[in-house]
Amino acid sequence: MIETRRANMVRRLRSDATESEKMAKRKRSVAIEPQTLRRSMRRAKSICSCSSPTSTFLNAHSTFSWYEKDLWTEIAKYLDGRSLVMLAVTNRWFYRLIMENSIWKYVCLRDLQVPAPCHVAFNWIKLYASAFDGSHSYMFRQQEKHIDWMRIGAFSLDSSVALLTERLSFPARIPKEDETERMLQPNGCCVINNVKTGIWIADLQLVRCPVCDLNTCDGTMQTLEARHMELFLNEGYHNGSWEYELIGSHDHKNNVDGASGAIFDVKHLNDSSTSAVFNQKTWIGKPMDWQPKAVITRHAVAVNTNLQNNEGLHVKYHAMRAGKDGEVVSVRISQQLL
């Protein structure tokens, strides 16, 4: 009996151990399954996540080229002169592209805001530099007389006849060239023929009194100066063979409210754009405003400076020709208090 009980107890213990082992295996399998599931989910997630496709834009087999002439020619239209020069020194390819005349022609006309002339005698890059390098006529001559200056802008002369006037009202009639002296006093205007057509650049100059050489002299002279765009590139100008010649002068011997001057292309005197010069209220300063004011249109330019009480003005008209009997390449209207 005793041995039978022992045998039964052994069998039960073995059965309980077997059950315990089975339960332990089940627990381990349950604990392992979530980890395995999570790992598989992570792997699945990385495979299914959004990823950018491989770009072929800049790879070795791409058909795109940074050196597309048409593309960079178009980009150049939006750059200023300084940026174009910086791009040109990048390498030889850009230098050859940027130095093309067509690019500088576009940029020059864009910045000057004028239409293209029929003909120019110099490369457009030289014309651009001449217009935008800060040069003015008193840098080359009479530097000791110069006080200050202001760039007004550019305009076009389509005809070879220009009207110079100190009055900002529409002229009753256009005088002839041989009537200059006779028309200056009553009408304050004169006509110049054989003017070089094309683009003209206008500046307002303030210089010391031209009558004396004393640096202590307080006298000043206002000068409306216009020059052909190519003037500073001509040897005749630099060597001094081209000089300003006096066309005529006269005096206003009474109080004058303002010192005014204007230059018109006679051919376009009746244009709607030119009428902006005669509409004085839109651009002339108020009575107590002593700063010079200017207006420029496609075919005309004008200035005005309000004056305090004075005894009158001395007005002079000058013209510069390209050699003897050559075309007129620059004009001046100068005004000085008496």
C-alpha atoms as a PDB file:
ATOM      1  CA  MET A   1       0.000   0.000   0.000  1.00  0.00           C
ATOM      2  CA  ILE A   2       2.694   2.392   0.915  1.00  0.00           C
ATOM      3  CA  GLU A   3       4.596   1.805  -2.331  1.00  0.00           C
ATOM      4  CA  THR A   4       1.443   2.272  -4.371  1.00  0.00           C
ATOM      5  CA  ARG A   5       0.863   5.672  -2.744  1.00  0.00           C
ATOM      6  CA  ARG A   6       4.436   6.692  -3.444  1.00  0.00           C
ATOM      7  CA  ALA A   7       4.095   5.765  -7.104  1.00  0.00           C
ATOM      8  CA  ASN A   8       0.901   7.775  -7.443  1.00  0.00           C
ATOM      9  CA  MET A   9       2.556  10.814  -5.756  1.00  0.00           C
ATOM     10  CA  VAL A  10       5.498  10.643  -8.139  1.00  0.00           C
ATOM     11  CA  ARG A  11       3.204  10.541 -11.158  1.00  0.00           C
ATOM     12  CA  ARG A  12       1.284  13.596  -9.869  1.00  0.00           C
ATOM     13  CA  LEU A  13       4.463  15.545  -9.262  1.00  0.00           C
ATOM     14  CA  ARG A  14       5.687  14.713 -12.736  1.00  0.00           C
ATOM     15  CA  SER A  15       2.324  15.734 -14.188  1.00  0.00           C
ATOM     16  CA  ASP A  16       2.369  19.040 -12.261  1.00  0.00           C
ATOM     17  CA  ALA A  17       5.924  19.706 -13.462  1.00  0.00           C
ATOM     18  CA  THR A  18       4.876  19.021 -17.021  1.00  0.00           C
ATOM     19  CA  GLU A  19       1.922  21.383 -16.652  1.00  0.00           C
ATOM     20  CA  SER A  20       4.177  24.024 -15.115  1.00  0.00           C
ATOM     21  CA  GLU A  21       6.618  23.719 -17.997  1.00  0.00           C
ATOM     22  CA  LYS A  22       3.779  24.059 -20.498  1.00  0.00           C
ATOM     23  CA  MET A  23       2.458  27.144 -18.691  1.00  0.00           C
ATOM     24  CA  ALA A  24       5.972  28.698 -18.667  1.00  0.00           C
ATOM     25  CA  LYS A  25       6.374  28.059 -22.394  1.00  0.00           C
ATOM     26  CA  ARG A  26       2.999  29.682 -23.080  1.00  0.00           C
ATOM     27  CA  LYS A  27       3.985  32.768 -21.057  1.00  0.00           C
ATOM     28  CA  ARG A  28       7.294  33.047 -22.903  1.00  0.00           C
ATOM     29  CA  SER A  29       5.571  32.746 -26.249  1.00  0.00           C
ATOM     30  CA  VAL A  30       3.058  35.406 -25.247  1.00  0.00           C
ATOM     31  CA  ALA A  31       5.890  37.722 -24.146  1.00  0.00           C
ATOM     32  CA  ILE A  32       7.853  37.143 -27.331  1.00  0.00           C
ATOM     33  CA  GLU A  33       4.953  37.626 -29.752  1.00  0.00           C
ATOM     34  CA  PRO A  34       4.393  41.397 -29.083  1.00  0.00           C
ATOM     35  CA  GLN A  35       8.114  42.068 -29.521  1.00  0.00           C
ATOM     36  CA  THR A  36       8.145  40.116 -32.750  1.00  0.00           C
ATOM     37  CA  LEU A  37       4.988  41.899 -33.845  1.00  0.00           C
ATOM     38  CA  ARG A  38       6.427  45.301 -32.998  1.00  0.00           C
ATOM     39  CA  ARG A  39       9.615  44.516 -34.886  1.00  0.00           C
ATOM     40  CA  SER A  40       7.681  43.414 -37.918  1.00  0.00           C
ATOM     41  CA  MET A  41       5.523  46.548 -37.669  1.00  0.00           C
ATOM     42  CA  ARG A  42       8.601  48.732 -37.491  1.00  0.00           C
ATOM     43  CA  ARG A  43      10.041  47.049 -40.514  1.00  0.00           C
ATOM     44  CA  ALA A  44       6.779  47.368 -42.350  1.00  0.00           C
ATOM     45  CA  LYS A  45       6.509  51.010 -41.324  1.00  0.00           C
ATOM     46  CA  SER A  46       9.946  51.911 -42.635  1.00  0.00           C
ATOM     47  CA  ILE A  47       9.198  50.220 -45.911  1.00  0.00           C
ATOM     48  CA  CYS A  48       5.831  51.930 -46.335  1.00  0.00           C
ATOM     49  CA  SER A  49       6.882  55.404 -45.191  1.00  0.00           C
ATOM     50  CA  CYS A  50       6.874  58.305 -47.693  1.00  0.00           C
ATOM     51  CA  SER A  51      10.258  58.887 -49.300  1.00  0.00           C
ATOM     52  CA  SER A  52      11.372  61.288 -52.053  1.00  0.00           C
ATOM     53  CA  PRO A  53      12.108  59.767 -55.420  1.00  0.00           C
ATOM     54  CA  THR A  54      15.679  59.831 -56.609  1.00  0.00           C
ATOM     55  CA  SER A  55      16.285  63.175 -58.352  1.00  0.00           C
ATOM     56  CA  THR A  56      17.776  63.145 -61.817  1.00  0.00           C
ATOM     57  CA  PHE A  57      17.993  66.947 -62.025  1.00  0.00           C
ATOM     58  CA  LEU A  58      21.640  67.249 -61.061  1.00  0.00           C
ATOM     59  CA  ASN A  59      22.978  63.768 -61.624  1.00  0.00           C
ATOM     60  CA  ALA A  60      25.701  62.963 -64.113  1.00  0.00           C
ATOM     61  CA  HIS A  61      23.256  61.769 -66.752  1.00  0.00           C
ATOM     62  CA  SER A  62      20.989  64.846 -66.592  1.00  0.00           C
ATOM     63  CA  THR A  63      20.368  66.784 -69.800  1.00  0.00           C
ATOM     64  CA  PHE A  64      20.230  70.120 -67.917  1.00  0.00           C
ATOM     65  CA  SER A  65      23.235  72.425 -68.325  1.00  0.00           C
ATOM     66  CA  TRP A  66      24.102  75.465 -66.256  1.00  0.00           C
ATOM     67  CA  TYR A  67      25.662  77.030 -69.344  1.00  0.00           C
ATOM     68  CA  GLU A  68      22.508  77.740 -71.298  1.00  0.00           C
ATOM     69  CA  LYS A  69      23.114  80.897 -73.317  1.00  0.00           C
ATOM     70  CA  ASP A  70      19.456  81.809 -73.796  1.00  0.00           C
ATOM     71  CA  LEU A  71      18.754  81.318 -70.093  1.00  0.00           C
ATOM     72  CA  TRP A  72      21.595  83.553 -68.896  1.00  0.00           C
ATOM     73  CA  THR A  73      20.862  86.151 -71.553  1.00  0.00           C
ATOM     74  CA  GLU A  74      17.370  86.441 -70.117  1.00  0.00           C
ATOM     75  CA  ILE A  75      18.685  86.588 -66.536  1.00  0.00           C
ATOM     76  CA  ALA A  76      21.102  89.366 -67.540  1.00  0.00           C
ATOM     77  CA  LYS A  77      18.152  91.606 -68.423  1.00  0.00           C
ATOM     78  CA  TYR A  78      17.306  91.838 -64.718  1.00  0.00           C
ATOM     79  CA  LEU A  79      20.817  92.713 -63.498  1.00  0.00           C
ATOM     80  CA  ASP A  80      22.369  96.147 -63.094  1.00  0.00           C
ATOM     81  CA  GLY A  81      25.730  97.085 -64.552  1.00  0.00           C
ATOM     82  CA  ARG A  82      27.717  96.237 -61.422  1.00  0.00           C
ATOM     83  CA  SER A  83      26.149  92.788 -61.153  1.00  0.00           C
ATOM     84  CA  LEU A  84      26.831  92.112 -64.827  1.00  0.00           C
ATOM     85  CA  VAL A  85      30.514  92.928 -64.394  1.00  0.00           C
ATOM     86  CA  MET A  86      30.749  90.675 -61.323  1.00  0.00           C
ATOM     87  CA  LEU A  87      29.154  87.837 -63.292  1.00  0.00           C
ATOM     88  CA  ALA A  88      31.480  88.429 -66.243  1.00  0.00           C
ATOM     89  CA  VAL A  89      34.618  87.865 -64.150  1.00  0.00           C
ATOM     90  CA  THR A  90      33.350  84.487 -62.913  1.00  0.00           C
ATOM     91  CA  ASN A  91      34.875  82.570 -65.806  1.00  0.00           C
ATOM     92  CA  ARG A  92      35.562  82.802 -69.530  1.00  0.00           C
ATOM     93  CA  TRP A  93      32.177  81.485 -70.586  1.00  0.00           C
ATOM     94  CA  PHE A  94      30.313  84.164 -68.632  1.00  0.00           C
ATOM     95  CA  TYR A  95      32.758  86.812 -69.835  1.00  0.00           C
ATOM     96  CA  ARG A  96      32.042  86.015 -73.488  1.00  0.00           C
ATOM     97  CA  LEU A  97      28.308  86.004 -72.820  1.00  0.00           C
ATOM     98  CA  ILE A  98      28.061  89.177 -70.727  1.00  0.00           C
ATOM     99  CA  MET A  99      30.288  91.196 -73.040  1.00  0.00           C
ATOM    100  CA  GLU A 100      27.860  90.786 -75.928  1.00  0.00           C
ATOM    101  CA  ASN A 101      26.718  94.159 -77.224  1.00  0.00           C
ATOM    102  CA  SER A 102      23.023  93.230 -77.230  1.00  0.00           C
ATOM    103  CA  ILE A 103      22.967  92.711 -73.448  1.00  0.00           C
ATOM    104  CA  TRP A 104      24.507  96.106 -72.675  1.00  0.00           C
ATOM    105  CA  LYS A 105      22.238  97.799 -75.185  1.00  0.00           C
ATOM    106  CA  TYR A 106      19.194  96.398 -73.427  1.00  0.00           C
ATOM    107  CA  VAL A 107      20.469  97.327 -69.956  1.00  0.00           C
ATOM    108  CA  CYS A 108      21.505 100.831 -71.024  1.00  0.00           C
ATOM    109  CA  LEU A 109      18.172 101.664 -72.646  1.00  0.00           C
ATOM    110  CA  ARG A 110      16.336 100.125 -69.701  1.00  0.00           C
ATOM    111  CA  ASP A 111      18.155 102.214 -67.103  1.00  0.00           C
ATOM    112  CA  LEU A 112      18.020 105.421 -69.130  1.00  0.00           C
ATOM    113  CA  GLN A 113      14.340 104.790 -69.971  1.00  0.00           C
ATOM    114  CA  VAL A 114      14.662 105.951 -73.563  1.00  0.00           C
ATOM    115  CA  PRO A 115      13.951 104.313 -76.933  1.00  0.00           C
ATOM    116  CA  ALA A 116      16.771 102.874 -79.018  1.00  0.00           C
ATOM    117  CA  PRO A 117      18.517 105.348 -81.349  1.00  0.00           C
ATOM    118  CA  CYS A 118      19.008 104.596 -85.009  1.00  0.00           C
ATOM    119  CA  HIS A 119      22.795 104.434 -84.739  1.00  0.00           C
ATOM    120  CA  VAL A 120      25.578 104.636 -82.158  1.00  0.00           C
ATOM    121  CA  ALA A 121      29.308 104.998 -82.806  1.00  0.00           C
ATOM    122  CA  PHE A 122      30.545 103.116 -79.719  1.00  0.00           C
ATOM    123  CA  ASN A 123      29.975  99.794 -77.991  1.00  0.00           C
ATOM    124  CA  TRP A 124      27.080  99.836 -75.595  1.00  0.00           C
ATOM    125  CA  ILE A 125      29.197  98.833 -72.620  1.00  0.00           C
ATOM    126  CA  LYS A 126      31.264 102.012 -73.117  1.00  0.00           C
ATOM    127  CA  LEU A 127      28.092 104.063 -73.473  1.00  0.00           C
ATOM    128  CA  TYR A 128      26.719 102.531 -70.281  1.00  0.00           C
ATOM    129  CA  ALA A 129      29.905 103.313 -68.371  1.00  0.00           C
ATOM    130  CA  SER A 130      29.936 106.874 -69.683  1.00  0.00           C
ATOM    131  CA  ALA A 131      26.355 107.400 -68.536  1.00  0.00           C
ATOM    132  CA  PHE A 132      26.538 105.721 -65.113  1.00  0.00           C
ATOM    133  CA  ASP A 133      30.090 106.105 -63.816  1.00  0.00           C
ATOM    134  CA  GLY A 134      29.275 109.438 -62.145  1.00  0.00           C
ATOM    135  CA  SER A 135      31.040 111.590 -64.743  1.00  0.00           C
ATOM    136  CA  HIS A 136      29.975 115.141 -65.532  1.00  0.00           C
ATOM    137  CA  SER A 137      31.483 117.865 -67.681  1.00  0.00           C
ATOM    138  CA  TYR A 138      33.159 119.783 -64.832  1.00  0.00           C
ATOM    139  CA  MET A 139      35.212 116.701 -63.945  1.00  0.00           C
ATOM    140  CA  PHE A 140      37.168 117.263 -67.152  1.00  0.00           C
ATOM    141  CA  ARG A 141      37.325 121.073 -67.175  1.00  0.00           C
ATOM    142  CA  GLN A 142      37.086 123.902 -64.621  1.00  0.00           C
ATOM    143  CA  GLN A 143      37.011 121.572 -61.624  1.00  0.00           C
ATOM    144  CA  GLU A 144      37.900 124.480 -59.337  1.00  0.00           C
ATOM    145  CA  LYS A 145      34.635 126.196 -60.308  1.00  0.00           C
ATOM    146  CA  HIS A 146      32.374 123.265 -59.594  1.00  0.00           C
ATOM    147  CA  ILE A 147      30.245 123.123 -56.426  1.00  0.00           C
ATOM    148  CA  ASP A 148      27.576 120.463 -56.902  1.00  0.00           C
ATOM    149  CA  TRP A 149      25.519 118.709 -59.525  1.00  0.00           C
ATOM    150  CA  MET A 150      22.390 116.604 -59.996  1.00  0.00           C
ATOM    151  CA  ARG A 151      21.633 114.014 -62.666  1.00  0.00           C
ATOM    152  CA  ILE A 152      18.201 114.708 -64.143  1.00  0.00           C
ATOM    153  CA  GLY A 153      17.952 111.879 -66.657  1.00  0.00           C
ATOM    154  CA  ALA A 154      17.964 111.102 -70.355  1.00  0.00           C
ATOM    155  CA  PHE A 155      15.773 112.172 -73.261  1.00  0.00           C
ATOM    156  CA  SER A 156      15.778 111.750 -77.036  1.00  0.00           C
ATOM    157  CA  LEU A 157      16.262 114.264 -79.826  1.00  0.00           C
ATOM    158  CA  ASP A 158      14.745 112.830 -82.989  1.00  0.00           C
ATOM    159  CA  SER A 159      15.189 115.971 -85.057  1.00  0.00           C
ATOM    160  CA  SER A 160      18.214 118.207 -85.571  1.00  0.00           C
ATOM    161  CA  VAL A 161      16.398 121.307 -84.283  1.00  0.00           C
ATOM    162  CA  ALA A 162      16.273 122.124 -80.551  1.00  0.00           C
ATOM    163  CA  LEU A 163      14.518 124.925 -78.708  1.00  0.00           C
ATOM    164  CA  LEU A 164      16.281 126.408 -75.674  1.00  0.00           C
ATOM    165  CA  THR A 165      14.211 128.633 -73.399  1.00  0.00           C
ATOM    166  CA  GLU A 166      14.174 130.142 -69.930  1.00  0.00           C
ATOM    167  CA  ARG A 167      10.388 130.360 -69.868  1.00  0.00           C
ATOM    168  CA  LEU A 168       8.159 127.438 -68.946  1.00  0.00           C
ATOM    169  CA  SER A 169       5.241 128.473 -71.105  1.00  0.00           C
ATOM    170  CA  PHE A 170       4.422 127.306 -74.606  1.00  0.00           C
ATOM    171  CA  PRO A 171       6.137 129.673 -77.076  1.00  0.00           C
ATOM    172  CA  ALA A 172       3.916 131.832 -79.213  1.00  0.00           C
ATOM    173  CA  ARG A 173       6.106 131.027 -82.201  1.00  0.00           C
ATOM    174  CA  ILE A 174       9.371 129.228 -82.910  1.00  0.00           C
ATOM    175  CA  PRO A 175      12.142 131.711 -83.754  1.00  0.00           C
ATOM    176  CA  LYS A 176      14.568 131.111 -86.592  1.00  0.00           C
ATOM    177  CA  GLU A 177      18.244 130.548 -85.889  1.00  0.00           C
ATOM    178  CA  ASP A 178      19.283 133.914 -87.300  1.00  0.00           C
ATOM    179  CA  GLU A 179      16.806 135.625 -84.953  1.00  0.00           C
ATOM    180  CA  THR A 180      18.570 134.505 -81.770  1.00  0.00           C
ATOM    181  CA  GLU A 181      19.748 137.895 -80.477  1.00  0.00           C
ATOM    182  CA  ARG A 182      16.505 139.602 -81.450  1.00  0.00           C
ATOM    183  CA  MET A 183      14.300 136.943 -79.854  1.00  0.00           C
ATOM    184  CA  LEU A 184      16.205 136.400 -76.614  1.00  0.00           C
ATOM    185  CA  GLN A 185      15.203 139.605 -74.876  1.00  0.00           C
ATOM    186  CA  PRO A 186      11.460 139.643 -75.578  1.00  0.00           C
ATOM    187  CA  ASN A 187      10.801 135.891 -75.681  1.00  0.00           C
ATOM    188  CA  GLY A 188      13.651 134.351 -73.686  1.00  0.00           C
ATOM    189  CA  CYS A 189      14.289 131.547 -76.171  1.00  0.00           C
ATOM    190  CA  CYS A 190      16.436 130.544 -79.125  1.00  0.00           C
ATOM    191  CA  VAL A 191      16.628 127.763 -81.694  1.00  0.00           C
ATOM    192  CA  ILE A 192      19.698 125.666 -82.556  1.00  0.00           C
ATOM    193  CA  ASN A 193      19.991 123.729 -85.801  1.00  0.00           C
ATOM    194  CA  ASN A 194      22.300 120.868 -86.789  1.00  0.00           C
ATOM    195  CA  VAL A 195      21.910 119.169 -83.412  1.00  0.00           C
ATOM    196  CA  LYS A 196      23.198 115.604 -83.186  1.00  0.00           C
ATOM    197  CA  THR A 197      20.222 113.260 -82.891  1.00  0.00           C
ATOM    198  CA  GLY A 198      20.044 110.376 -80.459  1.00  0.00           C
ATOM    199  CA  ILE A 199      20.114 110.020 -76.682  1.00  0.00           C
ATOM    200  CA  TRP A 200      20.956 113.094 -74.609  1.00  0.00           C
ATOM    201  CA  ILE A 201      21.795 113.196 -70.902  1.00  0.00           C
ATOM    202  CA  ALA A 202      20.740 116.177 -68.784  1.00  0.00           C
ATOM    203  CA  ASP A 203      22.445 117.451 -65.609  1.00  0.00           C
ATOM    204  CA  LEU A 204      21.913 120.432 -63.356  1.00  0.00           C
ATOM    205  CA  GLN A 205      25.224 122.059 -62.400  1.00  0.00           C
ATOM    206  CA  LEU A 206      25.953 124.541 -59.635  1.00  0.00           C
ATOM    207  CA  VAL A 207      29.230 126.424 -60.156  1.00  0.00           C
ATOM    208  CA  ARG A 208      31.030 129.398 -58.687  1.00  0.00           C
ATOM    209  CA  CYS A 209      30.838 132.849 -60.165  1.00  0.00           C
ATOM    210  CA  PRO A 210      32.526 132.737 -63.600  1.00  0.00           C
ATOM    211  CA  VAL A 211      33.319 136.472 -63.538  1.00  0.00           C
ATOM    212  CA  CYS A 212      36.077 136.374 -60.922  1.00  0.00           C
ATOM    213  CA  ASP A 213      38.659 133.838 -59.738  1.00  0.00           C
ATOM    214  CA  LEU A 214      38.232 134.459 -56.025  1.00  0.00           C
ATOM    215  CA  ASN A 215      37.407 131.351 -53.987  1.00  0.00           C
ATOM    216  CA  THR A 216      35.813 133.610 -51.379  1.00  0.00           C
ATOM    217  CA  CYS A 217      33.226 134.879 -53.858  1.00  0.00           C
ATOM    218  CA  ASP A 218      29.695 133.876 -52.826  1.00  0.00           C
ATOM    219  CA  GLY A 219      28.332 134.226 -56.347  1.00  0.00           C
ATOM    220  CA  THR A 220      26.918 131.038 -57.878  1.00  0.00           C
ATOM    221  CA  MET A 221      25.556 130.108 -61.273  1.00  0.00           C
ATOM    222  CA  GLN A 222      22.909 127.505 -62.112  1.00  0.00           C
ATOM    223  CA  THR A 223      23.429 125.654 -65.389  1.00  0.00           C
ATOM    224  CA  LEU A 224      21.075 123.293 -67.169  1.00  0.00           C
ATOM    225  CA  GLU A 225      23.428 121.192 -69.257  1.00  0.00           C
ATOM    226  CA  ALA A 226      22.527 118.538 -71.827  1.00  0.00           C
ATOM    227  CA  ARG A 227      25.027 116.473 -73.787  1.00  0.00           C
ATOM    228  CA  HIS A 228      24.900 113.789 -76.391  1.00  0.00           C
ATOM    229  CA  MET A 229      25.424 110.384 -74.862  1.00  0.00           C
ATOM    230  CA  GLU A 230      28.645 109.813 -76.839  1.00  0.00           C
ATOM    231  CA  LEU A 231      30.307 113.140 -75.957  1.00  0.00           C
ATOM    232  CA  PHE A 232      32.670 111.901 -73.223  1.00  0.00           C
ATOM    233  CA  LEU A 233      33.950 109.110 -75.490  1.00  0.00           C
ATOM    234  CA  ASN A 234      35.196 111.452 -78.217  1.00  0.00           C
ATOM    235  CA  GLU A 235      38.841 112.452 -78.407  1.00  0.00           C
ATOM    236  CA  GLY A 236      37.904 115.941 -79.567  1.00  0.00           C
ATOM    237  CA  TYR A 237      36.228 116.586 -76.236  1.00  0.00           C
ATOM    238  CA  HIS A 238      39.085 115.279 -74.115  1.00  0.00           C
ATOM    239  CA  ASN A 239      41.859 117.103 -75.972  1.00  0.00           C
ATOM    240  CA  GLY A 240      40.013 120.420 -75.653  1.00  0.00           C
ATOM    241  CA  SER A 241      39.450 121.036 -79.367  1.00  0.00           C
ATOM    242  CA  TRP A 242      35.696 121.057 -78.803  1.00  0.00           C
ATOM    243  CA  GLU A 243      34.715 124.108 -76.772  1.00  0.00           C
ATOM    244  CA  TYR A 244      31.494 125.784 -75.681  1.00  0.00           C
ATOM    245  CA  GLU A 245      30.625 128.853 -77.711  1.00  0.00           C
ATOM    246  CA  LEU A 246      28.341 131.655 -76.557  1.00  0.00           C
ATOM    247  CA  ILE A 247      25.141 131.764 -78.621  1.00  0.00           C
ATOM    248  CA  GLY A 248      23.555 134.711 -76.880  1.00  0.00           C
ATOM    249  CA  SER A 249      22.876 136.372 -73.530  1.00  0.00           C
ATOM    250  CA  HIS A 250      20.586 138.915 -71.964  1.00  0.00           C
ATOM    251  CA  ASP A 251      19.549 140.332 -68.568  1.00  0.00           C
ATOM    252  CA  HIS A 252      16.370 140.418 -66.526  1.00  0.00           C
ATOM    253  CA  LYS A 253      16.790 143.637 -64.560  1.00  0.00           C
ATOM    254  CA  ASN A 254      13.787 143.174 -62.312  1.00  0.00           C
ATOM    255  CA  ASN A 255      12.981 140.746 -59.510  1.00  0.00           C
ATOM    256  CA  VAL A 256      12.641 137.188 -60.828  1.00  0.00           C
ATOM    257  CA  ASP A 257      10.650 134.535 -58.935  1.00  0.00           C
ATOM    258  CA  GLY A 258      12.647 131.582 -60.271  1.00  0.00           C
ATOM    259  CA  ALA A 259      15.574 130.570 -62.436  1.00  0.00           C
ATOM    260  CA  SER A 260      14.161 128.265 -65.120  1.00  0.00           C
ATOM    261  CA  GLY A 261      15.499 126.556 -68.209  1.00  0.00           C
ATOM    262  CA  ALA A 262      14.185 124.019 -70.697  1.00  0.00           C
ATOM    263  CA  ILE A 263      15.335 122.154 -73.812  1.00  0.00           C
ATOM    264  CA  PHE A 264      12.843 120.784 -76.352  1.00  0.00           C
ATOM    265  CA  ASP A 265      12.938 118.737 -79.514  1.00  0.00           C
ATOM    266  CA  VAL A 266      11.025 121.073 -81.841  1.00  0.00           C
ATOM    267  CA  LYS A 267       9.594 118.117 -83.729  1.00  0.00           C
ATOM    268  CA  HIS A 268       7.821 116.907 -80.561  1.00  0.00           C
ATOM    269  CA  LEU A 269       6.917 120.262 -79.047  1.00  0.00           C
ATOM    270  CA  ASN A 270       3.194 119.532 -79.405  1.00  0.00           C
ATOM    271  CA  ASP A 271       3.358 115.982 -78.023  1.00  0.00           C
ATOM    272  CA  SER A 272       1.201 115.109 -75.034  1.00  0.00           C
ATOM    273  CA  SER A 273       4.266 113.950 -73.103  1.00  0.00           C
ATOM    274  CA  THR A 274       5.966 117.325 -73.620  1.00  0.00           C
ATOM    275  CA  SER A 275       2.975 119.142 -72.131  1.00  0.00           C
ATOM    276  CA  ALA A 276       4.074 117.894 -68.697  1.00  0.00           C
ATOM    277  CA  VAL A 277       6.837 120.515 -68.773  1.00  0.00           C
ATOM    278  CA  PHE A 278       4.319 123.342 -69.181  1.00  0.00           C
ATOM    279  CA  ASN A 279       2.129 122.011 -66.352  1.00  0.00           C
ATOM    280  CA  GLN A 280       4.199 123.805 -63.744  1.00  0.00           C
ATOM    281  CA  LYS A 281       1.979 123.041 -60.745  1.00  0.00           C
ATOM    282  CA  THR A 282       2.817 119.341 -60.967  1.00  0.00           C
ATOM    283  CA  TRP A 283       6.582 119.671 -60.517  1.00  0.00           C
ATOM    284  CA  ILE A 284       7.706 123.196 -59.519  1.00  0.00           C
ATOM    285  CA  GLY A 285       8.325 123.669 -55.804  1.00  0.00           C
ATOM    286  CA  LYS A 286       6.159 125.797 -53.556  1.00  0.00           C
ATOM    287  CA  PRO A 287       7.115 129.484 -53.096  1.00  0.00           C
ATOM    288  CA  MET A 288       9.227 128.913 -49.967  1.00  0.00           C
ATOM    289  CA  ASP A 289      10.916 125.771 -51.335  1.00  0.00           C
ATOM    290  CA  TRP A 290      14.433 126.750 -52.458  1.00  0.00           C
ATOM    291  CA  GLN A 291      15.491 123.311 -53.682  1.00  0.00           C
ATOM    292  CA  PRO A 292      15.930 122.870 -57.456  1.00  0.00           C
ATOM    293  CA  LYS A 293      13.205 120.881 -59.194  1.00  0.00           C
ATOM    294  CA  ALA A 294      13.378 119.143 -62.545  1.00  0.00           C
ATOM    295  CA  VAL A 295      11.148 117.270 -64.955  1.00  0.00           C
ATOM    296  CA  ILE A 296      12.112 115.117 -67.924  1.00  0.00           C
ATOM    297  CA  THR A 297       9.996 113.602 -70.676  1.00  0.00           C
ATOM    298  CA  ARG A 298      10.823 111.548 -73.730  1.00  0.00           C
ATOM    299  CA  HIS A 299      11.770 114.614 -75.802  1.00  0.00           C
ATOM    300  CA  ALA A 300      12.266 117.474 -73.325  1.00  0.00           C
ATOM    301  CA  VAL A 301      13.869 118.471 -70.023  1.00  0.00           C
ATOM    302  CA  ALA A 302      13.314 121.433 -67.709  1.00  0.00           C
ATOM    303  CA  VAL A 303      14.517 122.805 -64.340  1.00  0.00           C
ATOM    304  CA  ASN A 304      13.387 125.488 -61.936  1.00  0.00           C
ATOM    305  CA  THR A 305      14.810 126.949 -58.732  1.00  0.00           C
ATOM    306  CA  ASN A 306      12.730 129.366 -56.705  1.00  0.00           C
ATOM    307  CA  LEU A 307      14.576 132.576 -55.787  1.00  0.00           C
ATOM    308  CA  GLN A 308      14.399 135.005 -52.917  1.00  0.00           C
ATOM    309  CA  ASN A 309      14.083 138.728 -53.593  1.00  0.00           C
ATOM    310  CA  ASN A 310      16.703 139.743 -56.114  1.00  0.00           C
ATOM    311  CA  GLU A 311      17.687 142.416 -58.595  1.00  0.00           C
ATOM    312  CA  GLY A 312      17.416 140.223 -61.670  1.00  0.00           C
ATOM    313  CA  LEU A 313      19.154 137.474 -63.649  1.00  0.00           C
ATOM    314  CA  HIS A 314      21.906 137.246 -66.204  1.00  0.00           C
ATOM    315  CA  VAL A 315      21.141 134.417 -68.686  1.00  0.00           C
ATOM    316  CA  LYS A 316      23.582 132.852 -71.158  1.00  0.00           C
ATOM    317  CA  TYR A 317      23.173 130.218 -73.862  1.00  0.00           C
ATOM    318  CA  HIS A 318      26.113 128.039 -74.961  1.00  0.00           C
ATOM    319  CA  ALA A 319      26.579 125.290 -77.515  1.00  0.00           C
ATOM    320  CA  MET A 320      29.439 122.890 -78.227  1.00  0.00           C
ATOM    321  CA  ARG A 321      30.046 121.576 -81.742  1.00  0.00           C
ATOM    322  CA  ALA A 322      31.973 118.492 -82.827  1.00  0.00           C
ATOM    323  CA  GLY A 323      34.699 120.494 -84.514  1.00  0.00           C
ATOM    324  CA  LYS A 324      34.283 123.520 -86.729  1.00  0.00           C
ATOM    325  CA  ASP A 325      30.877 123.480 -88.431  1.00  0.00           C
ATOM    326  CA  GLY A 326      30.189 120.099 -86.829  1.00  0.00           C
ATOM    327  CA  GLU A 327      27.003 118.919 -85.174  1.00  0.00           C
ATOM    328  CA  VAL A 328      25.959 120.392 -81.828  1.00  0.00           C
ATOM    329  CA  VAL A 329      26.800 117.811 -79.143  1.00  0.00           C
ATOM    330  CA  SER A 330      26.115 119.791 -75.946  1.00  0.00           C
ATOM    331  CA  VAL A 331      24.141 122.861 -74.843  1.00  0.00           C
ATOM    332  CA  ARG A 332      23.940 124.954 -71.692  1.00  0.00           C
ATOM    333  CA  ILE A 333      21.493 127.458 -70.234  1.00  0.00           C
ATOM    334  CA  SER A 334      23.259 129.334 -67.404  1.00  0.00           C
ATOM    335  CA  GLN A 335      21.661 131.784 -64.976  1.00  0.00           C
ATOM    336  CA  GLN A 336      23.303 134.012 -62.428  1.00  0.00           C
ATOM    337  CA  LEU A 337      21.900 136.632 -60.064  1.00  0.00           C
ATOM    338  CA  LEU A 338      22.798 140.220 -60.914  1.00  0.00           C
END
